[in-house]
Amino acid sequence: MLKSIIAIFVGLISNVILSILFDTILKVLNILPYDHMFVATPIVLFVLGYRIIFSILGCYLTARLAPQNPMKHAYILGGIGLVLGITGVILAGHLGPWWYSWSLVILTPLIAYIGGKLYVSTEKSK
Protein backbone atom coordinates (compact mmCIF):
# COMPACT_ATOMS: atom_id res chain seq x y z
CA MET A 1 0.00 0.00 0.00
CA LEU A 2 2.79 2.42 0.91
CA LYS A 3 4.58 1.74 -2.39
CA SER A 4 1.38 2.56 -4.26
CA ILE A 5 0.97 5.84 -2.41
CA ILE A 6 4.60 6.74 -3.07
CA ALA A 7 4.24 5.90 -6.78
CA ILE A 8 1.20 8.17 -7.11
CA PHE A 9 2.79 10.93 -5.04
CA VAL A 10 5.99 10.89 -7.14
CA GLY A 11 3.98 11.14 -10.36
CA LEU A 12 1.92 14.04 -9.01
CA ILE A 13 4.86 15.95 -7.56
CA SER A 14 6.97 15.50 -10.69
CA ASN A 15 4.17 17.00 -12.76
CA VAL A 16 3.72 19.93 -10.39
CA ILE A 17 7.43 20.67 -10.04
CA LEU A 18 8.12 20.47 -13.77
CA SER A 19 5.15 22.73 -14.57
CA ILE A 20 6.08 25.35 -11.98
CA LEU A 21 9.75 25.23 -12.94
CA PHE A 22 9.06 25.59 -16.67
CA ASP A 23 6.49 28.36 -16.05
CA THR A 24 9.07 30.22 -13.95
CA ILE A 25 11.78 29.84 -16.59
CA LEU A 26 9.44 31.15 -19.28
CA LYS A 27 8.46 34.11 -17.09
CA VAL A 28 12.10 34.99 -16.37
CA LEU A 29 12.80 34.83 -20.11
CA ASN A 30 9.76 37.09 -20.74
CA ILE A 31 8.13 34.43 -22.92
CA LEU A 32 5.23 33.90 -20.54
CA PRO A 33 3.81 37.07 -18.99
CA TYR A 34 3.30 37.29 -15.24
CA ASP A 35 -0.27 38.46 -15.85
CA HIS A 36 -2.16 35.40 -17.10
CA MET A 37 -5.21 37.47 -18.01
CA PHE A 38 -3.77 38.72 -21.28
CA VAL A 39 -2.01 35.75 -22.83
CA ALA A 40 -2.19 35.20 -26.58
CA THR A 41 -3.66 31.93 -27.83
CA PRO A 42 -0.38 30.56 -29.26
CA ILE A 43 1.28 30.95 -25.85
CA VAL A 44 -1.66 29.27 -24.12
CA LEU A 45 -1.42 26.37 -26.57
CA PHE A 46 2.32 26.13 -25.89
CA VAL A 47 1.67 26.04 -22.12
CA LEU A 48 -1.04 23.43 -22.64
CA GLY A 49 1.36 21.35 -24.73
CA TYR A 50 4.18 21.17 -22.23
CA ARG A 51 1.78 20.58 -19.34
CA ILE A 52 0.28 17.65 -21.23
CA ILE A 53 3.79 16.24 -21.74
CA PHE A 54 4.62 16.69 -18.05
CA SER A 55 1.33 15.03 -17.08
CA ILE A 56 2.04 12.06 -19.33
CA LEU A 57 5.49 11.81 -17.76
CA GLY A 58 3.95 11.88 -14.27
CA CYS A 59 1.56 9.06 -15.15
CA TYR A 60 4.43 7.12 -16.71
CA LEU A 61 6.50 7.50 -13.52
CA THR A 62 3.54 6.42 -11.42
CA ALA A 63 3.04 3.32 -13.56
CA ARG A 64 6.76 2.54 -13.48
CA LEU A 65 6.96 2.82 -9.69
CA ALA A 66 3.72 0.93 -9.07
CA PRO A 67 4.30 -2.36 -7.23
CA GLN A 68 1.59 -3.99 -9.40
CA ASN A 69 -1.20 -2.96 -11.80
CA PRO A 70 0.63 -0.01 -13.40
CA MET A 71 -2.40 1.11 -15.44
CA LYS A 72 -4.55 1.22 -12.32
CA HIS A 73 -2.01 3.50 -10.64
CA ALA A 74 -1.81 5.75 -13.70
CA TYR A 75 -5.62 6.00 -13.69
CA ILE A 76 -5.66 6.84 -9.98
CA LEU A 77 -3.23 9.68 -10.65
CA GLY A 78 -5.46 10.71 -13.57
CA GLY A 79 -8.44 10.74 -11.20
CA ILE A 80 -6.55 13.00 -8.82
CA GLY A 81 -5.65 15.21 -11.78
CA LEU A 82 -9.29 15.28 -12.84
CA VAL A 83 -10.41 16.45 -9.38
CA LEU A 84 -7.65 19.08 -9.32
CA GLY A 85 -8.54 20.18 -12.85
CA ILE A 86 -12.22 20.62 -12.00
CA THR A 87 -11.19 22.54 -8.89
CA GLY A 88 -9.02 24.73 -11.11
CA VAL A 89 -11.94 25.44 -13.42
CA ILE A 90 -14.10 26.46 -10.47
CA LEU A 91 -11.52 28.48 -8.53
CA ALA A 92 -9.10 29.80 -11.15
CA GLY A 93 -10.85 29.46 -14.49
CA HIS A 94 -10.62 33.23 -14.90
CA LEU A 95 -6.80 33.17 -15.15
CA GLY A 96 -6.82 32.46 -18.86
CA PRO A 97 -9.15 31.52 -21.69
CA TRP A 98 -12.10 29.42 -20.54
CA TRP A 99 -11.11 26.56 -22.84
CA TYR A 100 -7.64 26.16 -21.30
CA SER A 101 -8.85 24.87 -17.92
CA TRP A 102 -11.57 22.75 -19.50
CA SER A 103 -9.13 21.21 -21.97
CA LEU A 104 -7.01 19.93 -19.09
CA VAL A 105 -10.10 18.39 -17.49
CA ILE A 106 -11.22 16.76 -20.74
CA LEU A 107 -7.76 15.46 -21.66
CA THR A 108 -6.81 14.07 -18.24
CA PRO A 109 -8.23 10.54 -18.73
CA LEU A 110 -6.44 10.26 -22.08
CA ILE A 111 -3.22 11.58 -20.52
CA ALA A 112 -3.40 8.94 -17.76
CA TYR A 113 -4.00 6.24 -20.36
CA ILE A 114 -1.07 7.35 -22.54
CA GLY A 115 1.33 7.64 -19.58
CA GLY A 116 0.40 4.22 -18.25
CA LYS A 117 0.48 2.58 -21.68
CA LEU A 118 3.91 4.04 -22.44
CA TYR A 119 5.28 2.21 -19.44
CA VAL A 120 3.37 -1.02 -20.08
CA SER A 121 4.43 -1.12 -23.73
CA THR A 122 8.10 -0.55 -22.88
CA GLU A 123 7.95 -3.35 -20.32
CA LYS A 124 6.37 -5.76 -22.84
CA SER A 125 9.08 -5.03 -25.39
CA LYS A 126 11.87 -6.02 -22.98
C-alpha atoms as a PDB file:
ATOM      1  CA  MET A   1       0.000   0.000   0.000  1.00  0.00           C
ATOM      2  CA  LEU A   2       2.787   2.416   0.915  1.00  0.00           C
ATOM      3  CA  LYS A   3       4.582   1.736  -2.393  1.00  0.00           C
ATOM      4  CA  SER A   4       1.379   2.559  -4.262  1.00  0.00           C
ATOM      5  CA  ILE A   5       0.969   5.841  -2.405  1.00  0.00           C
ATOM      6  CA  ILE A   6       4.599   6.742  -3.074  1.00  0.00           C
ATOM      7  CA  ALA A   7       4.237   5.905  -6.781  1.00  0.00           C
ATOM      8  CA  ILE A   8       1.198   8.166  -7.113  1.00  0.00           C
ATOM      9  CA  PHE A   9       2.791  10.926  -5.043  1.00  0.00           C
ATOM     10  CA  VAL A  10       5.989  10.887  -7.139  1.00  0.00           C
ATOM     11  CA  GLY A  11       3.975  11.144 -10.355  1.00  0.00           C
ATOM     12  CA  LEU A  12       1.916  14.036  -9.013  1.00  0.00           C
ATOM     13  CA  ILE A  13       4.860  15.946  -7.563  1.00  0.00           C
ATOM     14  CA  SER A  14       6.970  15.496 -10.695  1.00  0.00           C
ATOM     15  CA  ASN A  15       4.170  17.001 -12.762  1.00  0.00           C
ATOM     16  CA  VAL A  16       3.718  19.934 -10.388  1.00  0.00           C
ATOM     17  CA  ILE A  17       7.433  20.668 -10.038  1.00  0.00           C
ATOM     18  CA  LEU A  18       8.124  20.466 -13.774  1.00  0.00           C
ATOM     19  CA  SER A  19       5.149  22.726 -14.571  1.00  0.00           C
ATOM     20  CA  ILE A  20       6.078  25.354 -11.983  1.00  0.00           C
ATOM     21  CA  LEU A  21       9.747  25.229 -12.940  1.00  0.00           C
ATOM     22  CA  PHE A  22       9.055  25.590 -16.667  1.00  0.00           C
ATOM     23  CA  ASP A  23       6.489  28.359 -16.046  1.00  0.00           C
ATOM     24  CA  THR A  24       9.066  30.221 -13.953  1.00  0.00           C
ATOM     25  CA  ILE A  25      11.782  29.842 -16.588  1.00  0.00           C
ATOM     26  CA  LEU A  26       9.435  31.154 -19.283  1.00  0.00           C
ATOM     27  CA  LYS A  27       8.461  34.107 -17.094  1.00  0.00           C
ATOM     28  CA  VAL A  28      12.095  34.986 -16.372  1.00  0.00           C
ATOM     29  CA  LEU A  29      12.803  34.828 -20.109  1.00  0.00           C
ATOM     30  CA  ASN A  30       9.762  37.085 -20.739  1.00  0.00           C
ATOM     31  CA  ILE A  31       8.134  34.434 -22.923  1.00  0.00           C
ATOM     32  CA  LEU A  32       5.225  33.904 -20.542  1.00  0.00           C
ATOM     33  CA  PRO A  33       3.811  37.074 -18.990  1.00  0.00           C
ATOM     34  CA  TYR A  34       3.302  37.288 -15.238  1.00  0.00           C
ATOM     35  CA  ASP A  35      -0.274  38.459 -15.854  1.00  0.00           C
ATOM     36  CA  HIS A  36      -2.157  35.404 -17.096  1.00  0.00           C
ATOM     37  CA  MET A  37      -5.212  37.475 -18.014  1.00  0.00           C
ATOM     38  CA  PHE A  38      -3.768  38.724 -21.284  1.00  0.00           C
ATOM     39  CA  VAL A  39      -2.014  35.748 -22.829  1.00  0.00           C
ATOM     40  CA  ALA A  40      -2.189  35.197 -26.582  1.00  0.00           C
ATOM     41  CA  THR A  41      -3.664  31.933 -27.826  1.00  0.00           C
ATOM     42  CA  PRO A  42      -0.376  30.557 -29.263  1.00  0.00           C
ATOM     43  CA  ILE A  43       1.277  30.953 -25.853  1.00  0.00           C
ATOM     44  CA  VAL A  44      -1.663  29.273 -24.121  1.00  0.00           C
ATOM     45  CA  LEU A  45      -1.415  26.366 -26.572  1.00  0.00           C
ATOM     46  CA  PHE A  46       2.322  26.127 -25.887  1.00  0.00           C
ATOM     47  CA  VAL A  47       1.673  26.036 -22.121  1.00  0.00           C
ATOM     48  CA  LEU A  48      -1.040  23.425 -22.636  1.00  0.00           C
ATOM     49  CA  GLY A  49       1.357  21.352 -24.733  1.00  0.00           C
ATOM     50  CA  TYR A  50       4.176  21.173 -22.228  1.00  0.00           C
ATOM     51  CA  ARG A  51       1.783  20.584 -19.342  1.00  0.00           C
ATOM     52  CA  ILE A  52       0.278  17.645 -21.227  1.00  0.00           C
ATOM     53  CA  ILE A  53       3.792  16.243 -21.744  1.00  0.00           C
ATOM     54  CA  PHE A  54       4.621  16.694 -18.048  1.00  0.00           C
ATOM     55  CA  SER A  55       1.328  15.032 -17.076  1.00  0.00           C
ATOM     56  CA  ILE A  56       2.041  12.057 -19.333  1.00  0.00           C
ATOM     57  CA  LEU A  57       5.493  11.805 -17.762  1.00  0.00           C
ATOM     58  CA  GLY A  58       3.945  11.885 -14.273  1.00  0.00           C
ATOM     59  CA  CYS A  59       1.557   9.057 -15.149  1.00  0.00           C
ATOM     60  CA  TYR A  60       4.435   7.120 -16.714  1.00  0.00           C
ATOM     61  CA  LEU A  61       6.495   7.499 -13.517  1.00  0.00           C
ATOM     62  CA  THR A  62       3.543   6.418 -11.416  1.00  0.00           C
ATOM     63  CA  ALA A  63       3.044   3.320 -13.562  1.00  0.00           C
ATOM     64  CA  ARG A  64       6.764   2.544 -13.479  1.00  0.00           C
ATOM     65  CA  LEU A  65       6.964   2.822  -9.687  1.00  0.00           C
ATOM     66  CA  ALA A  66       3.717   0.932  -9.065  1.00  0.00           C
ATOM     67  CA  PRO A  67       4.302  -2.358  -7.230  1.00  0.00           C
ATOM     68  CA  GLN A  68       1.594  -3.987  -9.404  1.00  0.00           C
ATOM     69  CA  ASN A  69      -1.199  -2.956 -11.799  1.00  0.00           C
ATOM     70  CA  PRO A  70       0.630  -0.006 -13.404  1.00  0.00           C
ATOM     71  CA  MET A  71      -2.396   1.107 -15.442  1.00  0.00           C
ATOM     72  CA  LYS A  72      -4.546   1.225 -12.317  1.00  0.00           C
ATOM     73  CA  HIS A  73      -2.011   3.496 -10.642  1.00  0.00           C
ATOM     74  CA  ALA A  74      -1.810   5.750 -13.702  1.00  0.00           C
ATOM     75  CA  TYR A  75      -5.620   6.002 -13.688  1.00  0.00           C
ATOM     76  CA  ILE A  76      -5.660   6.836  -9.979  1.00  0.00           C
ATOM     77  CA  LEU A  77      -3.230   9.683 -10.650  1.00  0.00           C
ATOM     78  CA  GLY A  78      -5.461  10.705 -13.568  1.00  0.00           C
ATOM     79  CA  GLY A  79      -8.443  10.744 -11.197  1.00  0.00           C
ATOM     80  CA  ILE A  80      -6.553  13.003  -8.816  1.00  0.00           C
ATOM     81  CA  GLY A  81      -5.654  15.214 -11.775  1.00  0.00           C
ATOM     82  CA  LEU A  82      -9.292  15.277 -12.836  1.00  0.00           C
ATOM     83  CA  VAL A  83     -10.412  16.455  -9.385  1.00  0.00           C
ATOM     84  CA  LEU A  84      -7.650  19.083  -9.322  1.00  0.00           C
ATOM     85  CA  GLY A  85      -8.543  20.179 -12.848  1.00  0.00           C
ATOM     86  CA  ILE A  86     -12.218  20.618 -12.000  1.00  0.00           C
ATOM     87  CA  THR A  87     -11.193  22.542  -8.886  1.00  0.00           C
ATOM     88  CA  GLY A  88      -9.016  24.734 -11.114  1.00  0.00           C
ATOM     89  CA  VAL A  89     -11.943  25.436 -13.424  1.00  0.00           C
ATOM     90  CA  ILE A  90     -14.097  26.458 -10.471  1.00  0.00           C
ATOM     91  CA  LEU A  91     -11.520  28.483  -8.529  1.00  0.00           C
ATOM     92  CA  ALA A  92      -9.099  29.802 -11.146  1.00  0.00           C
ATOM     93  CA  GLY A  93     -10.853  29.464 -14.490  1.00  0.00           C
ATOM     94  CA  HIS A  94     -10.623  33.234 -14.905  1.00  0.00           C
ATOM     95  CA  LEU A  95      -6.804  33.167 -15.149  1.00  0.00           C
ATOM     96  CA  GLY A  96      -6.817  32.459 -18.861  1.00  0.00           C
ATOM     97  CA  PRO A  97      -9.146  31.522 -21.692  1.00  0.00           C
ATOM     98  CA  TRP A  98     -12.096  29.421 -20.539  1.00  0.00           C
ATOM     99  CA  TRP A  99     -11.107  26.563 -22.841  1.00  0.00           C
ATOM    100  CA  TYR A 100      -7.644  26.158 -21.300  1.00  0.00           C
ATOM    101  CA  SER A 101      -8.849  24.874 -17.924  1.00  0.00           C
ATOM    102  CA  TRP A 102     -11.566  22.753 -19.499  1.00  0.00           C
ATOM    103  CA  SER A 103      -9.130  21.208 -21.975  1.00  0.00           C
ATOM    104  CA  LEU A 104      -7.009  19.929 -19.091  1.00  0.00           C
ATOM    105  CA  VAL A 105     -10.098  18.395 -17.493  1.00  0.00           C
ATOM    106  CA  ILE A 106     -11.224  16.759 -20.738  1.00  0.00           C
ATOM    107  CA  LEU A 107      -7.764  15.459 -21.655  1.00  0.00           C
ATOM    108  CA  THR A 108      -6.814  14.072 -18.237  1.00  0.00           C
ATOM    109  CA  PRO A 109      -8.229  10.538 -18.735  1.00  0.00           C
ATOM    110  CA  LEU A 110      -6.435  10.264 -22.083  1.00  0.00           C
ATOM    111  CA  ILE A 111      -3.220  11.580 -20.524  1.00  0.00           C
ATOM    112  CA  ALA A 112      -3.395   8.944 -17.763  1.00  0.00           C
ATOM    113  CA  TYR A 113      -4.002   6.238 -20.362  1.00  0.00           C
ATOM    114  CA  ILE A 114      -1.070   7.348 -22.538  1.00  0.00           C
ATOM    115  CA  GLY A 115       1.326   7.642 -19.576  1.00  0.00           C
ATOM    116  CA  GLY A 116       0.405   4.218 -18.251  1.00  0.00           C
ATOM    117  CA  LYS A 117       0.481   2.578 -21.684  1.00  0.00           C
ATOM    118  CA  LEU A 118       3.908   4.037 -22.444  1.00  0.00           C
ATOM    119  CA  TYR A 119       5.284   2.213 -19.444  1.00  0.00           C
ATOM    120  CA  VAL A 120       3.365  -1.016 -20.082  1.00  0.00           C
ATOM    121  CA  SER A 121       4.428  -1.115 -23.732  1.00  0.00           C
ATOM    122  CA  THR A 122       8.104  -0.547 -22.876  1.00  0.00           C
ATOM    123  CA  GLU A 123       7.946  -3.350 -20.324  1.00  0.00           C
ATOM    124  CA  LYS A 124       6.375  -5.757 -22.838  1.00  0.00           C
ATOM    125  CA  SER A 125       9.078  -5.025 -25.394  1.00  0.00           C
ATOM    126  CA  LYS A 126      11.870  -6.022 -22.982  1.00  0.00           C
END
